[in-house]
Amino acid sequence: MFESKKYGIHDGPIVDTESGSPVGEKTDTYYDNTGAVPGESFTYGNSTTAKIQRFAGRFNIEQRGIERVPENERTDKNVYKIGTMWLAANMVVSSFAIGALAVPIFYLGFVDALLTIFFINILGIFPVCFFSTFGPRFGLRQMVLSRYFYGYYGVKLIAFFNVLACVGWSSVNVIVGAQILNAINSSVPGWAGIIIIAAATFFVTLFGYKVVHAYEFWSWIPCFIVFLIVLGEFAHSGQFSNIPMGFGESEAGSVLSFAASVFGFATGWTSYAADYTVYQPTNTSKTSVFLWTFAGLIIPLCFTEMLGLAVVTASVNNPTVAEGYSTNIGVLLAYVLEPLGRFGQFCLVILALSIIGNNCPNIYSVTFSLQVMSRWTAVIPRFIWTFIGTVIYCAIAIPGYDHFASVLEDFMLLIGYWLAIYEGIALTEHFFFKHGYNGYDISIYRDASRLPPGIAAIIAFCFGIMGAVMGMAQVWFIGPIGRLIGTGYGGDVGFPLAFAFSAISYGGLRTLEKRYFKR
């Protein structure tokens, strides 16, 4: 589709530097390459950036950042890789830990917690599945697509929250992995475990999209086998306890608060969704993308969380299990696998290294959020931002391991409500104002004067924050509505209120905005 070997790159139409004619117009009745940037164009010129890109190209490092992918470079036709991508990212100890919250933290029974895990995960992953279909359709990263919801400048606020989420959760996850390594061998200090896991994650994400997908394609298999071994060992121990379901106001509050934790973890991938499908051809079936994403998320989330729930039921009658959980999740897993001796320790190492698969999406996608922040950040190559992001989360995790791991996790849970706000605004724009996929003018994705102004989105975002604050029930704060539900610690309805407040306010504000600005 692109015959010329030289292309100029600037904000505006892509132009052939020899002929002066625009590159990327519609080449047939179906494919539209408007605004797409050819891969070879990253290495043209004598600038420092071009030289760095040429050097990276020698090692097959992905050079593309937030630029639109042209149709002739969308060569990833294996739709099932989308499923294995999310399968590996969630077949991890972090999701096991979410399920283990049900009993010691929220005091739920087994059946009610099990049902909450199943239904809330289905609800949480729907936005991830839906936005994954945007990648093949438009060839744009999720944060760039978000300009159509929040405007060219408003999206910078969303990118900021996404950077906090990527870096923060990477820190929390790598601390969990380091704790497991320390539980195996106390002579391995926390900082060493953090560096080992972070370095391996960086190596995978450095090379970009293809290597991330290749790694995730296989990495879930040993993790799945180990979790099956955990299941078998725990079942053999006979320590499972079918804790009865609670009732009344206390039960309602506990279910809602646990549901908030489950939903936040499941829907957390929404702000990255399209990043992992941009190299799929335009004619890739949206249904296939949706269903493969759904399968890749629901299977590991339900399996690992339900397993974590089952194992932690032993804490009711076994003080050793209760004490192990109170220390960290690694000690709990070490207790289950202890009868296997050295082999059990090997299994724990596999689970610790599962954090690599968990953090790959965080560290790969954080680069695109950083690039949409400004023109100068967009110039810095993706793989350099990958390195900077890795250094930052290690700098947080190493001191956090000993001093503020629980505080860091509480903070991440506190800011997690932003995802419900993001979804409320984005889905309202898509269905009520864009009226589906055909409502997007792909030629304007870099044109601030033609994208939505973003005023309505930012104001609606503030309304969403108000809803989250009123409905949350967190360690640091319980909102006035959240306090009315249940007893003691209340019930968390921050996510639905954040979604409702942002979606409803955005509907009204966006109507006025479109009427005034005509865009």
Protein backbone atom coordinates (compact mmCIF):
# COMPACT_ATOMS: atom_id res chain seq x y z
CA MET A 1 0.00 0.00 0.00
CA PHE A 2 2.91 2.32 0.65
CA GLU A 3 5.22 2.38 -2.34
CA SER A 4 7.44 5.34 -1.49
CA LYS A 5 10.53 4.72 0.60
CA LYS A 6 10.61 8.17 2.21
CA TYR A 7 7.96 9.74 4.37
CA GLY A 8 7.89 12.96 6.37
CA ILE A 9 6.54 12.79 9.92
CA HIS A 10 4.78 15.70 11.56
CA ASP A 11 1.42 16.54 13.11
CA GLY A 12 -0.88 16.57 10.10
CA PRO A 13 -1.17 14.39 7.01
CA ILE A 14 1.68 11.98 6.26
CA VAL A 15 3.37 13.30 3.12
CA ASP A 16 5.81 11.66 0.68
CA THR A 17 8.89 13.89 0.81
CA GLU A 18 9.74 13.28 -2.83
CA SER A 19 6.36 13.82 -4.51
CA GLY A 20 4.68 15.98 -1.89
CA SER A 21 1.54 13.89 -2.19
CA PRO A 22 -0.26 12.65 0.92
CA VAL A 23 0.42 9.09 2.04
CA GLY A 24 -2.23 7.00 3.67
CA GLU A 25 -5.39 7.96 1.78
CA LYS A 26 -8.02 5.28 1.17
CA THR A 27 -6.44 2.66 -1.01
CA ASP A 28 -9.61 0.66 -1.69
CA THR A 29 -13.22 0.51 -0.61
CA TYR A 30 -12.51 -1.06 2.77
CA TYR A 31 -9.09 -0.22 4.16
CA ASP A 32 -8.40 3.32 5.28
CA ASN A 33 -4.78 4.17 6.07
CA THR A 34 -5.40 7.83 6.77
CA GLY A 35 -2.81 9.09 9.25
CA ALA A 36 -0.96 5.78 9.39
CA VAL A 37 2.82 5.99 9.81
CA PRO A 38 5.00 3.43 7.96
CA GLY A 39 7.52 1.55 10.08
CA GLU A 40 10.53 2.51 7.98
CA SER A 41 9.87 6.21 8.54
CA PHE A 42 11.09 6.00 12.16
CA THR A 43 14.69 5.58 11.03
CA TYR A 44 14.91 8.38 8.44
CA GLY A 45 17.09 11.41 9.10
CA ASN A 46 20.15 12.23 11.19
CA SER A 47 18.44 13.25 14.41
CA THR A 48 19.41 11.57 17.68
CA THR A 49 16.01 9.87 17.79
CA ALA A 50 16.45 8.44 14.28
CA LYS A 51 19.91 7.13 15.16
CA ILE A 52 18.58 5.47 18.32
CA GLN A 53 15.72 3.95 16.32
CA ARG A 54 18.14 2.60 13.70
CA PHE A 55 20.23 1.03 16.46
CA ALA A 56 17.13 -0.54 18.03
CA GLY A 57 16.07 -1.87 14.65
CA ARG A 58 19.23 -3.97 14.43
CA PHE A 59 17.92 -6.03 17.36
CA ASN A 60 14.32 -6.20 16.09
CA ILE A 61 13.10 -3.96 18.89
CA GLU A 62 9.65 -2.53 18.18
CA GLN A 63 10.12 1.10 17.13
CA ARG A 64 6.49 2.15 16.91
CA GLY A 65 4.86 4.08 19.71
CA ILE A 66 1.52 5.89 19.53
CA GLU A 67 1.57 6.25 15.74
CA ARG A 68 -1.21 4.57 13.79
CA VAL A 69 -0.31 1.18 12.28
CA PRO A 70 -0.77 0.98 8.49
CA GLU A 71 -2.75 -1.94 7.10
CA ASN A 72 0.21 -3.58 5.35
CA GLU A 73 2.04 -3.88 8.69
CA ARG A 74 -0.85 -5.55 10.51
CA THR A 75 0.44 -9.05 10.08
CA ASP A 76 -0.72 -10.64 13.36
CA LYS A 77 -3.53 -12.83 12.06
CA ASN A 78 -3.60 -15.28 14.99
CA VAL A 79 -6.63 -14.15 16.97
CA TYR A 80 -6.07 -16.80 19.63
CA LYS A 81 -2.93 -14.94 20.72
CA ILE A 82 -5.22 -12.29 22.17
CA GLY A 83 -6.66 -14.96 24.43
CA THR A 84 -3.30 -16.37 25.52
CA MET A 85 -2.05 -12.82 26.14
CA TRP A 86 -4.69 -12.23 28.81
CA LEU A 87 -4.59 -15.82 29.99
CA ALA A 88 -0.93 -15.41 30.98
CA ALA A 89 -1.41 -11.94 32.45
CA ASN A 90 -4.04 -13.28 34.87
CA MET A 91 -2.87 -16.85 35.57
CA VAL A 92 -0.75 -15.33 38.31
CA VAL A 93 -0.34 -15.16 42.05
CA SER A 94 -1.82 -11.64 42.15
CA SER A 95 -5.26 -12.90 41.09
CA PHE A 96 -4.93 -15.80 43.55
CA ALA A 97 -4.44 -13.16 46.25
CA ILE A 98 -7.65 -11.35 45.23
CA GLY A 99 -9.69 -14.49 45.90
CA ALA A 100 -7.93 -14.99 49.23
CA LEU A 101 -9.30 -11.64 50.46
CA ALA A 102 -12.83 -13.01 50.78
CA VAL A 103 -12.56 -14.74 54.15
CA PRO A 104 -9.95 -12.97 56.34
CA ILE A 105 -10.72 -9.43 55.10
CA PHE A 106 -14.40 -9.45 54.14
CA TYR A 107 -15.61 -12.37 56.32
CA LEU A 108 -17.63 -14.01 53.56
CA GLY A 109 -18.75 -17.60 53.29
CA PHE A 110 -17.54 -19.91 50.54
CA VAL A 111 -20.60 -19.98 48.27
CA ASP A 112 -21.38 -16.25 48.39
CA ALA A 113 -17.73 -15.40 47.69
CA LEU A 114 -17.64 -17.95 44.85
CA LEU A 115 -20.72 -16.45 43.19
CA THR A 116 -19.35 -12.93 43.63
CA ILE A 117 -16.10 -13.92 41.91
CA PHE A 118 -17.93 -15.46 38.95
CA PHE A 119 -20.51 -12.77 38.20
CA ILE A 120 -18.44 -9.70 39.04
CA ASN A 121 -15.56 -10.91 36.86
CA ILE A 122 -17.95 -11.25 33.92
CA LEU A 123 -19.11 -7.69 34.51
CA GLY A 124 -15.57 -6.35 34.94
CA ILE A 125 -14.04 -7.82 31.80
CA PHE A 126 -16.76 -6.72 29.37
CA PRO A 127 -15.18 -3.27 28.78
CA VAL A 128 -11.78 -4.92 28.19
CA CYS A 129 -13.29 -7.25 25.58
CA PHE A 130 -15.19 -4.42 23.94
CA PHE A 131 -12.28 -1.99 23.60
CA SER A 132 -10.01 -4.79 22.36
CA THR A 133 -12.10 -4.76 19.18
CA PHE A 134 -10.98 -1.16 18.50
CA GLY A 135 -7.37 -2.17 17.84
CA PRO A 136 -7.94 -3.99 14.53
CA ARG A 137 -10.58 -1.51 13.45
CA PHE A 138 -8.46 1.64 13.86
CA GLY A 139 -4.84 0.56 14.43
CA LEU A 140 -4.50 2.95 17.38
CA ARG A 141 -3.39 2.44 20.97
CA GLN A 142 -6.00 2.73 23.72
CA MET A 143 -4.74 6.07 25.03
CA VAL A 144 -4.76 7.56 21.51
CA LEU A 145 -8.28 6.24 20.95
CA SER A 146 -9.22 7.97 24.20
CA ARG A 147 -8.72 11.32 22.46
CA TYR A 148 -12.06 10.66 20.77
CA PHE A 149 -13.68 10.57 24.23
CA TYR A 150 -11.63 13.12 26.20
CA GLY A 151 -10.17 15.36 23.52
CA TYR A 152 -6.54 15.99 22.59
CA TYR A 153 -5.74 17.77 25.85
CA GLY A 154 -8.23 16.14 28.20
CA VAL A 155 -6.74 12.70 27.52
CA LYS A 156 -3.57 13.82 29.28
CA LEU A 157 -5.45 13.57 32.59
CA ILE A 158 -6.48 10.02 31.74
CA ALA A 159 -2.92 9.19 30.71
CA PHE A 160 -1.69 10.50 34.06
CA PHE A 161 -4.02 8.18 35.97
CA ASN A 162 -3.01 5.32 33.71
CA VAL A 163 0.68 5.96 34.43
CA LEU A 164 -0.09 5.88 38.17
CA ALA A 165 -1.96 2.60 37.69
CA CYS A 166 0.76 0.97 35.57
CA VAL A 167 3.65 1.99 37.80
CA GLY A 168 1.77 1.51 41.08
CA TRP A 169 0.42 -1.96 40.35
CA SER A 170 3.77 -3.05 38.91
CA SER A 171 5.30 -2.07 42.26
CA VAL A 172 2.65 -3.94 44.26
CA ASN A 173 2.95 -7.04 42.06
CA VAL A 174 6.74 -7.19 42.11
CA ILE A 175 6.70 -6.90 45.92
CA VAL A 176 4.40 -9.95 46.04
CA GLY A 177 6.81 -11.88 43.80
CA ALA A 178 9.79 -10.88 45.94
CA GLN A 179 7.93 -11.96 49.08
CA ILE A 180 7.42 -15.43 47.60
CA LEU A 181 11.11 -15.73 46.73
CA ASN A 182 11.94 -14.66 50.27
CA ALA A 183 9.50 -17.25 51.66
CA ILE A 184 11.44 -19.93 49.74
CA ASN A 185 14.84 -18.73 50.83
CA SER A 186 15.11 -16.05 53.52
CA SER A 187 18.65 -15.27 52.37
CA VAL A 188 17.20 -13.72 49.19
CA PRO A 189 16.51 -10.11 50.24
CA GLY A 190 13.46 -8.29 48.99
CA TRP A 191 15.41 -5.90 46.78
CA ALA A 192 17.11 -8.79 45.00
CA GLY A 193 13.79 -10.48 44.21
CA ILE A 194 12.39 -7.20 42.93
CA ILE A 195 15.34 -6.62 40.61
CA ILE A 196 15.24 -10.19 39.28
CA ILE A 197 11.54 -9.99 38.36
CA ALA A 198 11.75 -6.41 37.07
CA ALA A 199 14.78 -7.15 34.88
CA ALA A 200 13.06 -10.16 33.30
CA THR A 201 9.92 -8.09 32.69
CA PHE A 202 11.96 -5.31 31.10
CA PHE A 203 13.70 -7.75 28.77
CA VAL A 204 10.35 -9.02 27.46
CA THR A 205 8.72 -5.60 27.08
CA LEU A 206 11.84 -4.01 25.59
CA PHE A 207 11.34 -5.89 22.32
CA GLY A 208 7.70 -4.92 22.10
CA TYR A 209 4.42 -6.30 20.83
CA LYS A 210 5.58 -9.51 19.16
CA VAL A 211 7.83 -10.66 22.01
CA VAL A 212 5.22 -9.77 24.65
CA HIS A 213 2.65 -11.89 22.80
CA ALA A 214 5.19 -14.69 22.26
CA TYR A 215 6.15 -14.77 25.94
CA GLU A 216 2.55 -14.69 27.15
CA PHE A 217 1.62 -17.43 24.65
CA TRP A 218 3.69 -19.94 26.66
CA SER A 219 4.14 -18.49 30.14
CA TRP A 220 0.67 -19.36 31.43
CA ILE A 221 1.27 -23.11 31.00
CA PRO A 222 3.76 -23.72 33.88
CA CYS A 223 1.73 -21.38 36.10
CA PHE A 224 -1.45 -23.33 35.36
CA ILE A 225 0.29 -26.62 36.16
CA VAL A 226 1.56 -25.24 39.47
CA PHE A 227 -1.89 -23.98 40.43
CA LEU A 228 -3.26 -27.46 39.64
CA ILE A 229 -0.63 -28.87 42.00
CA VAL A 230 -1.70 -26.37 44.66
CA LEU A 231 -5.30 -27.47 44.14
CA GLY A 232 -4.36 -31.16 44.42
CA GLU A 233 -2.21 -30.69 47.52
CA PHE A 234 -4.81 -28.60 49.28
CA ALA A 235 -7.61 -31.04 48.42
CA HIS A 236 -5.42 -33.89 49.72
CA SER A 237 -4.80 -32.05 52.98
CA GLY A 238 -8.52 -32.12 53.82
CA GLN A 239 -8.39 -28.61 55.31
CA PHE A 240 -11.06 -27.07 53.10
CA SER A 241 -13.89 -25.57 55.10
CA ASN A 242 -17.28 -24.80 53.57
CA ILE A 243 -17.83 -21.60 55.52
CA PRO A 244 -21.57 -20.84 55.69
CA MET A 245 -22.98 -17.77 54.00
CA GLY A 246 -23.75 -14.75 56.15
CA PHE A 247 -26.99 -12.80 56.18
CA GLY A 248 -28.40 -9.36 56.84
CA GLU A 249 -26.82 -5.94 56.47
CA SER A 250 -23.34 -7.17 57.34
CA GLU A 251 -23.41 -9.73 54.53
CA ALA A 252 -24.60 -7.14 52.00
CA GLY A 253 -21.78 -4.76 52.90
CA SER A 254 -19.14 -7.47 52.77
CA VAL A 255 -20.30 -8.78 49.38
CA LEU A 256 -20.29 -5.29 47.87
CA SER A 257 -16.82 -4.50 49.21
CA PHE A 258 -15.36 -7.80 48.00
CA ALA A 259 -17.10 -7.27 44.65
CA ALA A 260 -15.34 -3.90 44.35
CA SER A 261 -11.94 -5.58 44.76
CA VAL A 262 -12.79 -8.27 42.20
CA PHE A 263 -14.22 -5.76 39.72
CA GLY A 264 -11.27 -3.38 40.06
CA PHE A 265 -8.78 -6.14 39.29
CA ALA A 266 -10.77 -7.50 36.33
CA THR A 267 -11.57 -4.19 34.68
CA GLY A 268 -8.09 -2.80 35.29
CA TRP A 269 -6.97 -3.91 31.82
CA THR A 270 -9.51 -1.66 30.06
CA SER A 271 -7.12 1.25 29.64
CA TYR A 272 -4.66 -1.04 27.77
CA ALA A 273 -7.13 -3.13 25.78
CA ALA A 274 -6.50 -1.97 22.20
CA ASP A 275 -2.71 -1.96 22.68
CA TYR A 276 -2.60 -5.73 22.16
CA THR A 277 -4.72 -5.91 19.00
CA VAL A 278 -3.36 -2.99 16.89
CA TYR A 279 -1.35 -5.33 14.65
CA GLN A 280 -4.43 -7.40 13.82
CA PRO A 281 -5.75 -6.82 10.24
CA THR A 282 -8.69 -4.46 9.82
CA ASN A 283 -10.96 -7.28 8.62
CA THR A 284 -10.42 -9.32 11.79
CA SER A 285 -13.80 -10.38 13.16
CA LYS A 286 -14.88 -8.18 16.08
CA THR A 287 -16.78 -11.13 17.51
CA SER A 288 -13.64 -13.30 17.46
CA VAL A 289 -11.58 -10.61 19.16
CA PHE A 290 -14.26 -10.11 21.81
CA LEU A 291 -14.70 -13.82 22.54
CA TRP A 292 -10.99 -14.65 22.62
CA THR A 293 -10.41 -11.75 25.00
CA PHE A 294 -13.34 -12.89 27.13
CA ALA A 295 -12.04 -16.47 27.32
CA GLY A 296 -8.50 -15.30 28.03
CA LEU A 297 -9.72 -13.26 30.99
CA ILE A 298 -12.59 -15.19 32.55
CA ILE A 299 -10.82 -18.57 32.73
CA PRO A 300 -7.71 -17.55 34.71
CA LEU A 301 -9.51 -14.95 36.83
CA CYS A 302 -12.20 -17.36 38.02
CA PHE A 303 -9.82 -20.30 38.39
CA THR A 304 -7.11 -18.54 40.40
CA GLU A 305 -9.46 -16.43 42.51
CA MET A 306 -11.67 -19.38 43.38
CA LEU A 307 -8.55 -21.38 44.25
CA GLY A 308 -7.33 -18.57 46.51
CA LEU A 309 -10.75 -18.50 48.14
CA ALA A 310 -10.76 -22.27 48.72
CA VAL A 311 -7.25 -22.33 50.20
CA VAL A 312 -7.88 -19.45 52.59
CA THR A 313 -10.96 -21.18 54.06
CA ALA A 314 -8.45 -23.33 55.97
CA SER A 315 -7.57 -20.25 58.02
CA VAL A 316 -10.81 -20.64 59.98
CA ASN A 317 -9.71 -23.84 61.69
CA ASN A 318 -5.94 -23.72 61.26
CA PRO A 319 -4.04 -20.94 63.08
CA THR A 320 -0.91 -21.71 61.01
CA VAL A 321 -2.75 -20.86 57.77
CA ALA A 322 -4.23 -17.72 59.33
CA GLU A 323 -0.79 -16.62 60.50
CA GLY A 324 0.72 -17.37 57.11
CA TYR A 325 -1.87 -15.25 55.31
CA SER A 326 -1.35 -12.36 57.72
CA THR A 327 2.37 -12.39 56.82
CA ASN A 328 2.01 -12.47 53.02
CA ILE A 329 0.46 -14.60 50.29
CA GLY A 330 3.81 -16.31 49.65
CA VAL A 331 3.84 -17.84 53.13
CA LEU A 332 0.31 -19.18 52.57
CA LEU A 333 1.33 -20.84 49.30
CA ALA A 334 4.52 -22.16 50.88
CA TYR A 335 2.43 -23.82 53.58
CA VAL A 336 0.26 -25.62 50.99
CA LEU A 337 3.27 -26.83 48.98
CA GLU A 338 5.48 -27.67 51.98
CA PRO A 339 4.80 -31.45 51.81
CA LEU A 340 6.42 -31.51 48.35
CA GLY A 341 9.81 -30.43 49.70
CA ARG A 342 12.25 -29.16 47.09
CA PHE A 343 9.75 -29.63 44.31
CA GLY A 344 7.30 -27.48 46.23
CA GLN A 345 9.94 -24.75 46.43
CA PHE A 346 10.45 -25.02 42.68
CA CYS A 347 6.70 -24.54 42.21
CA LEU A 348 6.87 -21.41 44.35
CA VAL A 349 9.64 -20.02 42.13
CA ILE A 350 7.36 -20.52 39.10
CA LEU A 351 4.58 -18.64 40.88
CA ALA A 352 6.96 -15.82 41.83
CA LEU A 353 8.04 -15.52 38.20
CA SER A 354 4.39 -15.42 37.09
CA ILE A 355 4.59 -11.75 38.09
CA ILE A 356 6.56 -11.20 34.88
CA GLY A 357 3.50 -12.11 32.83
CA ASN A 358 1.34 -9.98 35.11
CA ASN A 359 3.54 -6.89 34.78
CA CYS A 360 4.27 -7.12 31.04
CA PRO A 361 1.02 -5.34 30.06
CA ASN A 362 1.66 -2.65 32.69
CA ILE A 363 5.18 -1.82 31.53
CA TYR A 364 4.50 -2.19 27.81
CA SER A 365 1.42 0.05 27.94
CA VAL A 366 2.74 2.71 30.31
CA THR A 367 4.93 3.93 27.45
CA PHE A 368 1.92 4.98 25.35
CA SER A 369 0.40 6.93 28.23
CA LEU A 370 3.69 8.77 28.64
CA GLN A 371 3.92 9.47 24.92
CA VAL A 372 0.47 11.12 24.72
CA MET A 373 1.41 13.53 27.50
CA SER A 374 3.15 16.03 25.21
CA ARG A 375 4.98 16.46 21.91
CA TRP A 376 8.40 16.01 23.48
CA THR A 377 7.43 12.82 25.29
CA ALA A 378 6.07 11.46 21.99
CA VAL A 379 9.48 11.93 20.38
CA ILE A 380 11.22 9.73 22.96
CA PRO A 381 11.18 6.12 21.64
CA ARG A 382 8.87 3.60 23.27
CA PHE A 383 11.66 1.32 24.51
CA ILE A 384 13.38 4.18 26.37
CA TRP A 385 10.15 4.88 28.24
CA THR A 386 9.99 1.16 29.03
CA PHE A 387 13.37 1.43 30.75
CA ILE A 388 12.40 4.61 32.62
CA GLY A 389 9.13 3.06 33.79
CA THR A 390 11.00 -0.01 35.06
CA VAL A 391 13.47 2.10 37.01
CA ILE A 392 10.66 4.14 38.59
CA TYR A 393 8.61 1.19 39.80
CA CYS A 394 11.71 -0.50 41.18
CA ALA A 395 12.55 2.72 43.03
CA ILE A 396 9.08 2.57 44.60
CA ALA A 397 9.00 -1.17 45.29
CA ILE A 398 12.42 -1.58 46.94
CA PRO A 399 11.77 0.77 49.88
CA GLY A 400 8.10 -0.22 49.82
CA TYR A 401 8.95 -3.87 50.43
CA ASP A 402 9.95 -3.17 54.04
CA HIS A 403 8.19 0.05 54.87
CA PHE A 404 4.91 0.75 53.06
CA ALA A 405 3.77 -2.24 50.98
CA SER A 406 0.28 -2.26 52.54
CA VAL A 407 0.01 1.53 52.28
CA LEU A 408 0.94 1.37 48.59
CA GLU A 409 -1.69 -1.30 47.93
CA ASP A 410 -4.35 0.69 49.81
CA PHE A 411 -3.49 3.76 47.72
CA MET A 412 -3.79 1.80 44.47
CA LEU A 413 -7.19 0.46 45.52
CA LEU A 414 -8.24 4.01 46.38
CA ILE A 415 -7.44 5.45 42.94
CA GLY A 416 -8.81 2.40 41.09
CA TYR A 417 -12.24 4.00 40.79
CA TRP A 418 -10.96 6.12 37.89
CA LEU A 419 -11.50 3.13 35.60
CA ALA A 420 -15.26 3.17 36.18
CA ILE A 421 -15.25 6.88 35.33
CA TYR A 422 -13.21 6.23 32.19
CA GLU A 423 -15.64 3.53 31.09
CA GLY A 424 -18.73 5.62 31.88
CA ILE A 425 -17.57 8.49 29.66
CA ALA A 426 -16.06 6.37 26.86
CA LEU A 427 -19.06 4.07 26.49
CA THR A 428 -21.52 6.98 26.58
CA GLU A 429 -19.57 8.76 23.82
CA HIS A 430 -19.34 5.62 21.70
CA PHE A 431 -22.99 4.57 21.85
CA PHE A 432 -24.87 7.87 22.16
CA PHE A 433 -22.70 10.35 20.28
CA LYS A 434 -20.49 8.35 17.90
CA HIS A 435 -23.34 5.84 17.30
CA GLY A 436 -20.88 2.99 16.81
CA TYR A 437 -17.59 2.43 15.01
CA ASN A 438 -18.58 4.41 11.91
CA GLY A 439 -18.77 7.60 13.93
CA TYR A 440 -14.97 7.90 14.26
CA ASP A 441 -13.09 10.08 11.78
CA ILE A 442 -9.70 8.40 11.87
CA SER A 443 -8.02 11.27 10.01
CA ILE A 444 -8.29 13.62 13.01
CA TYR A 445 -6.63 11.56 15.73
CA ARG A 446 -3.75 14.08 15.94
CA ASP A 447 -5.79 17.22 15.26
CA ALA A 448 -6.74 19.01 18.49
CA SER A 449 -8.98 21.46 16.62
CA ARG A 450 -11.24 18.69 15.26
CA LEU A 451 -11.31 16.26 18.19
CA PRO A 452 -13.87 16.80 20.98
CA PRO A 453 -12.90 19.80 23.15
CA GLY A 454 -12.81 17.55 26.24
CA ILE A 455 -14.50 20.09 28.54
CA ALA A 456 -17.57 17.90 29.03
CA ALA A 457 -15.39 14.85 29.70
CA ILE A 458 -13.26 16.59 32.33
CA ILE A 459 -16.28 17.99 34.17
CA ALA A 460 -17.98 14.59 34.01
CA PHE A 461 -14.77 13.04 35.32
CA CYS A 462 -15.06 15.31 38.36
CA PHE A 463 -18.66 14.20 38.85
CA GLY A 464 -17.42 10.61 38.66
CA ILE A 465 -14.89 11.31 41.41
CA MET A 466 -17.74 12.68 43.51
CA GLY A 467 -19.69 9.47 43.01
CA ALA A 468 -16.67 7.33 43.90
CA VAL A 469 -15.99 9.31 47.08
CA MET A 470 -19.62 9.08 48.18
CA GLY A 471 -19.79 5.32 47.61
CA MET A 472 -16.33 4.03 48.53
CA ALA A 473 -15.53 1.93 51.57
CA GLN A 474 -11.75 1.78 51.84
CA VAL A 475 -9.22 1.52 54.64
CA TRP A 476 -8.50 5.25 54.45
CA PHE A 477 -12.03 6.55 53.93
CA ILE A 478 -15.66 5.44 53.97
CA GLY A 479 -18.05 7.59 51.96
CA PRO A 480 -21.45 8.74 53.26
CA ILE A 481 -23.37 6.35 51.01
CA GLY A 482 -20.93 3.49 51.54
CA ARG A 483 -21.35 3.96 55.31
CA LEU A 484 -25.11 3.44 55.03
CA ILE A 485 -24.62 -0.09 53.67
CA GLY A 486 -23.81 -2.98 55.96
CA THR A 487 -22.30 -2.48 59.39
CA GLY A 488 -18.93 -1.35 60.72
CA TYR A 489 -16.83 -0.82 57.59
CA GLY A 490 -19.83 -0.22 55.32
CA GLY A 491 -20.24 -1.53 51.77
CA ASP A 492 -18.33 -0.34 48.72
CA VAL A 493 -20.53 1.00 45.92
CA GLY A 494 -17.88 3.42 44.62
CA PHE A 495 -17.54 1.75 41.21
CA PRO A 496 -21.24 1.81 40.20
CA LEU A 497 -21.71 5.34 41.53
CA ALA A 498 -18.57 6.58 39.75
CA PHE A 499 -19.81 5.03 36.51
CA ALA A 500 -23.34 6.39 36.90
CA PHE A 501 -22.32 9.91 37.92
CA SER A 502 -19.82 10.23 35.06
CA ALA A 503 -22.03 8.66 32.37
CA ILE A 504 -25.18 10.64 33.20
CA SER A 505 -23.42 13.99 33.64
CA TYR A 506 -21.39 13.42 30.47
CA GLY A 507 -24.54 12.76 28.46
CA GLY A 508 -25.95 16.18 29.32
CA LEU A 509 -22.68 18.09 29.17
CA ARG A 510 -21.58 16.54 25.87
CA THR A 511 -24.90 17.48 24.27
CA LEU A 512 -24.28 21.13 25.17
CA GLU A 513 -20.62 20.88 24.12
CA LYS A 514 -21.46 19.51 20.68
CA ARG A 515 -24.13 22.13 20.18
CA TYR A 516 -21.68 24.95 20.95
CA PHE A 517 -18.41 23.66 19.44
CA LYS A 518 -19.93 21.61 16.60
CA ARG A 519 -17.47 18.75 17.24
